[in-house]
């Protein structure tokens, strides 16, 4: 997915991040609950539930390991299956 007006970056003011969490805005203006979206380039949006690890590059997986260690550990079994 591409980052557009239906998505918003959660904390764009974080010092020197390489990964940002993204929220999807529903038609009624509320935030969608459930999916975990991230972007590494502020253009392409990836869903941790459906895209990890097959649509992530090795560099993106390493960034996630450093910047989001909780989610990296949570999804570790998927890396071991690949």
N, C-alpha and C. Protein backbone atom coordinates (compact mmCIF):
# COMPACT_ATOMS: atom_id res chain seq x y z
N UNK A 1 0.84 -1.18 0.00
CA UNK A 1 0.00 0.00 0.00
C UNK A 1 0.89 1.24 0.00
N UNK A 2 0.37 2.27 -0.56
CA UNK A 2 1.10 3.54 -0.56
C UNK A 2 0.55 4.46 0.51
N UNK A 3 1.46 5.20 1.14
CA UNK A 3 1.06 6.17 2.15
C UNK A 3 0.31 7.29 1.44
N UNK A 4 -0.94 7.53 1.84
CA UNK A 4 -1.75 8.58 1.23
C UNK A 4 -2.64 9.20 2.30
N UNK A 5 -3.68 9.89 1.88
CA UNK A 5 -4.51 10.61 2.85
C UNK A 5 -5.34 9.71 3.75
N UNK A 6 -5.36 8.40 3.51
CA UNK A 6 -6.08 7.52 4.42
C UNK A 6 -5.17 6.99 5.53
N UNK A 7 -3.89 7.35 5.50
CA UNK A 7 -2.92 6.93 6.52
C UNK A 7 -2.28 8.15 7.16
N UNK A 8 -1.86 8.00 8.41
CA UNK A 8 -1.14 9.06 9.10
C UNK A 8 -0.02 8.42 9.91
N UNK A 9 1.18 9.03 9.85
CA UNK A 9 2.31 8.54 10.63
C UNK A 9 2.10 8.95 12.08
N UNK A 10 2.24 7.98 13.00
CA UNK A 10 1.95 8.23 14.42
C UNK A 10 2.82 9.31 15.05
N UNK A 11 4.12 9.20 14.93
CA UNK A 11 5.00 10.13 15.62
C UNK A 11 6.11 10.60 14.68
N UNK A 12 5.79 11.53 13.78
CA UNK A 12 6.79 11.96 12.79
C UNK A 12 7.94 12.76 13.38
N UNK A 13 7.84 13.15 14.66
CA UNK A 13 8.87 14.00 15.27
C UNK A 13 9.93 13.22 16.04
N UNK A 14 9.88 11.89 16.00
CA UNK A 14 10.88 11.07 16.69
C UNK A 14 12.26 11.34 16.09
N UNK A 15 13.27 11.47 16.94
CA UNK A 15 14.62 11.75 16.47
C UNK A 15 15.19 10.58 15.68
N UNK A 16 15.53 10.82 14.43
CA UNK A 16 16.26 9.91 13.57
C UNK A 16 15.71 8.48 13.52
N UNK A 17 14.42 8.29 13.31
CA UNK A 17 13.91 6.92 13.17
C UNK A 17 14.17 6.40 11.76
N UNK A 18 14.14 5.11 11.64
CA UNK A 18 14.22 4.46 10.33
C UNK A 18 12.94 3.71 10.03
N UNK A 19 12.04 3.70 11.02
CA UNK A 19 10.78 3.00 10.91
C UNK A 19 9.73 3.80 11.65
N UNK A 20 8.58 3.98 11.03
CA UNK A 20 7.49 4.72 11.66
C UNK A 20 6.26 3.84 11.71
N UNK A 21 5.47 3.95 12.79
CA UNK A 21 4.18 3.28 12.83
C UNK A 21 3.17 4.18 12.15
N UNK A 22 2.17 3.55 11.55
CA UNK A 22 1.19 4.27 10.73
C UNK A 22 -0.20 3.84 11.17
N UNK A 23 -1.11 4.80 11.20
CA UNK A 23 -2.52 4.51 11.49
C UNK A 23 -3.33 4.73 10.23
N UNK A 24 -4.33 3.89 10.03
CA UNK A 24 -5.24 4.03 8.90
C UNK A 24 -6.51 4.71 9.40
N UNK A 25 -6.96 5.70 8.68
CA UNK A 25 -8.16 6.45 9.05
C UNK A 25 -9.36 5.88 8.29
N UNK A 26 -10.40 5.50 9.03
CA UNK A 26 -11.62 4.97 8.43
C UNK A 26 -12.42 6.08 7.79
N UNK A 27 -13.44 5.71 7.03
CA UNK A 27 -14.28 6.70 6.35
C UNK A 27 -14.97 7.64 7.33
N UNK A 28 -15.24 7.16 8.55
CA UNK A 28 -15.92 8.02 9.54
C UNK A 28 -14.93 8.90 10.31
N UNK A 29 -13.63 8.82 9.97
CA UNK A 29 -12.63 9.67 10.62
C UNK A 29 -11.96 9.04 11.83
N UNK A 30 -12.41 7.85 12.23
CA UNK A 30 -11.77 7.17 13.36
C UNK A 30 -10.58 6.34 12.87
N UNK A 31 -9.74 5.94 13.81
CA UNK A 31 -8.59 5.11 13.45
C UNK A 31 -9.01 3.65 13.42
N UNK A 32 -8.53 2.94 12.42
CA UNK A 32 -8.79 1.52 12.28
C UNK A 32 -8.09 0.76 13.41
N UNK A 33 -8.77 -0.20 14.00
CA UNK A 33 -8.22 -0.97 15.10
C UNK A 33 -7.89 -2.37 14.58
N UNK A 34 -6.72 -2.86 14.93
CA UNK A 34 -6.35 -4.22 14.55
C UNK A 34 -5.05 -4.31 13.79
N UNK A 35 -5.01 -3.80 12.54
CA UNK A 35 -3.78 -3.92 11.77
C UNK A 35 -2.64 -3.12 12.39
N UNK A 36 -1.43 -3.61 12.22
CA UNK A 36 -0.22 -2.90 12.67
C UNK A 36 0.54 -2.48 11.42
N UNK A 37 0.41 -1.22 11.06
CA UNK A 37 1.06 -0.70 9.86
C UNK A 37 2.36 0.00 10.20
N UNK A 38 3.35 -0.14 9.31
CA UNK A 38 4.63 0.55 9.45
C UNK A 38 5.08 1.04 8.07
N UNK A 39 5.98 2.02 8.09
CA UNK A 39 6.63 2.47 6.87
C UNK A 39 8.10 2.71 7.16
N UNK A 40 8.92 2.45 6.18
CA UNK A 40 10.36 2.67 6.31
C UNK A 40 10.81 3.86 5.48
N UNK A 41 9.98 4.27 4.51
CA UNK A 41 10.35 5.34 3.60
C UNK A 41 9.30 6.45 3.51
N UNK A 42 8.27 6.39 4.34
CA UNK A 42 7.15 7.34 4.33
C UNK A 42 6.40 7.33 3.01
N UNK A 43 6.51 6.23 2.25
CA UNK A 43 5.78 6.08 0.99
C UNK A 43 5.01 4.77 0.96
N UNK A 44 5.68 3.68 1.30
CA UNK A 44 5.09 2.36 1.26
C UNK A 44 4.68 1.93 2.66
N UNK A 45 3.47 1.39 2.78
CA UNK A 45 2.94 0.94 4.07
C UNK A 45 2.91 -0.58 4.07
N UNK A 46 3.44 -1.18 5.14
CA UNK A 46 3.43 -2.63 5.31
C UNK A 46 2.62 -2.97 6.55
N UNK A 47 1.90 -4.08 6.49
CA UNK A 47 1.10 -4.56 7.61
C UNK A 47 1.88 -5.67 8.30
N UNK A 48 2.22 -5.49 9.58
CA UNK A 48 2.99 -6.50 10.28
C UNK A 48 2.27 -7.85 10.34
N UNK A 49 0.95 -7.84 10.45
CA UNK A 49 0.22 -9.10 10.56
C UNK A 49 0.25 -9.90 9.27
N UNK A 50 0.17 -9.24 8.13
CA UNK A 50 0.04 -9.97 6.86
C UNK A 50 1.30 -9.94 6.00
N UNK A 51 2.18 -8.99 6.18
CA UNK A 51 3.33 -8.83 5.29
C UNK A 51 4.66 -9.30 5.87
N UNK A 52 4.72 -9.53 7.18
CA UNK A 52 6.00 -9.89 7.82
C UNK A 52 6.18 -11.39 7.87
N UNK A 53 7.31 -11.91 7.48
CA UNK A 53 8.52 -11.27 6.99
C UNK A 53 8.65 -11.25 5.47
N UNK A 54 7.71 -11.89 4.74
CA UNK A 54 7.89 -12.10 3.31
C UNK A 54 8.01 -10.82 2.49
N UNK A 55 7.41 -9.73 2.89
CA UNK A 55 7.49 -8.48 2.12
C UNK A 55 8.50 -7.50 2.70
N UNK A 56 9.22 -7.90 3.75
CA UNK A 56 10.24 -7.06 4.37
C UNK A 56 11.62 -7.45 3.82
N UNK A 57 12.46 -6.46 3.60
CA UNK A 57 13.83 -6.74 3.20
C UNK A 57 14.63 -7.13 4.44
N UNK A 58 15.79 -7.77 4.27
CA UNK A 58 16.63 -8.05 5.44
C UNK A 58 17.00 -6.78 6.21
N UNK A 59 17.20 -5.68 5.51
CA UNK A 59 17.52 -4.42 6.17
C UNK A 59 16.34 -3.93 7.01
N UNK A 60 15.13 -4.07 6.50
CA UNK A 60 13.94 -3.65 7.24
C UNK A 60 13.74 -4.53 8.48
N UNK A 61 14.01 -5.80 8.36
CA UNK A 61 13.91 -6.70 9.52
C UNK A 61 14.92 -6.28 10.59
N UNK A 62 16.13 -5.92 10.18
CA UNK A 62 17.14 -5.47 11.13
C UNK A 62 16.72 -4.15 11.80
N UNK A 63 16.16 -3.24 11.04
CA UNK A 63 15.67 -1.97 11.61
C UNK A 63 14.57 -2.26 12.63
N UNK A 64 13.66 -3.17 12.29
CA UNK A 64 12.60 -3.52 13.23
C UNK A 64 13.19 -4.12 14.50
N UNK A 65 14.21 -4.94 14.35
CA UNK A 65 14.87 -5.55 15.51
C UNK A 65 15.43 -4.47 16.44
N UNK A 66 15.99 -3.41 15.88
CA UNK A 66 16.61 -2.35 16.66
C UNK A 66 15.59 -1.35 17.22
N UNK A 67 14.60 -0.98 16.41
CA UNK A 67 13.68 0.09 16.80
C UNK A 67 12.38 -0.40 17.43
N UNK A 68 11.99 -1.62 17.14
CA UNK A 68 10.75 -2.19 17.69
C UNK A 68 11.04 -3.60 18.21
N UNK A 69 11.90 -3.72 19.24
CA UNK A 69 12.29 -5.06 19.70
C UNK A 69 11.11 -5.91 20.18
N UNK A 70 10.08 -5.29 20.73
CA UNK A 70 8.92 -6.07 21.19
C UNK A 70 8.30 -6.83 20.01
N UNK A 71 8.02 -6.11 18.92
CA UNK A 71 7.38 -6.75 17.77
C UNK A 71 8.32 -7.71 17.06
N UNK A 72 9.60 -7.39 17.06
CA UNK A 72 10.57 -8.31 16.47
C UNK A 72 10.53 -9.65 17.21
N UNK A 73 10.54 -9.62 18.53
CA UNK A 73 10.49 -10.85 19.33
C UNK A 73 9.13 -11.55 19.17
N UNK A 74 8.07 -10.76 19.12
CA UNK A 74 6.72 -11.33 18.97
C UNK A 74 6.61 -12.15 17.69
N UNK A 75 7.19 -11.62 16.60
CA UNK A 75 7.12 -12.29 15.30
C UNK A 75 8.30 -13.20 15.01
N UNK A 76 9.19 -13.42 15.97
CA UNK A 76 10.37 -14.26 15.77
C UNK A 76 10.03 -15.64 15.21
N UNK A 77 8.97 -16.31 15.66
CA UNK A 77 8.65 -17.64 15.09
C UNK A 77 8.46 -17.60 13.57
N UNK A 78 7.98 -16.51 13.03
CA UNK A 78 7.81 -16.41 11.58
C UNK A 78 9.16 -16.42 10.87
N UNK A 79 10.16 -15.82 11.46
CA UNK A 79 11.51 -15.82 10.87
C UNK A 79 12.09 -17.22 10.90
N UNK A 80 11.82 -17.96 11.96
CA UNK A 80 12.35 -19.30 12.09
C UNK A 80 11.67 -20.26 11.11
N UNK A 81 10.41 -19.97 10.72
CA UNK A 81 9.69 -20.81 9.75
C UNK A 81 10.16 -20.56 8.33
N UNK A 82 10.63 -19.35 8.06
CA UNK A 82 10.98 -18.98 6.68
C UNK A 82 12.21 -19.71 6.18
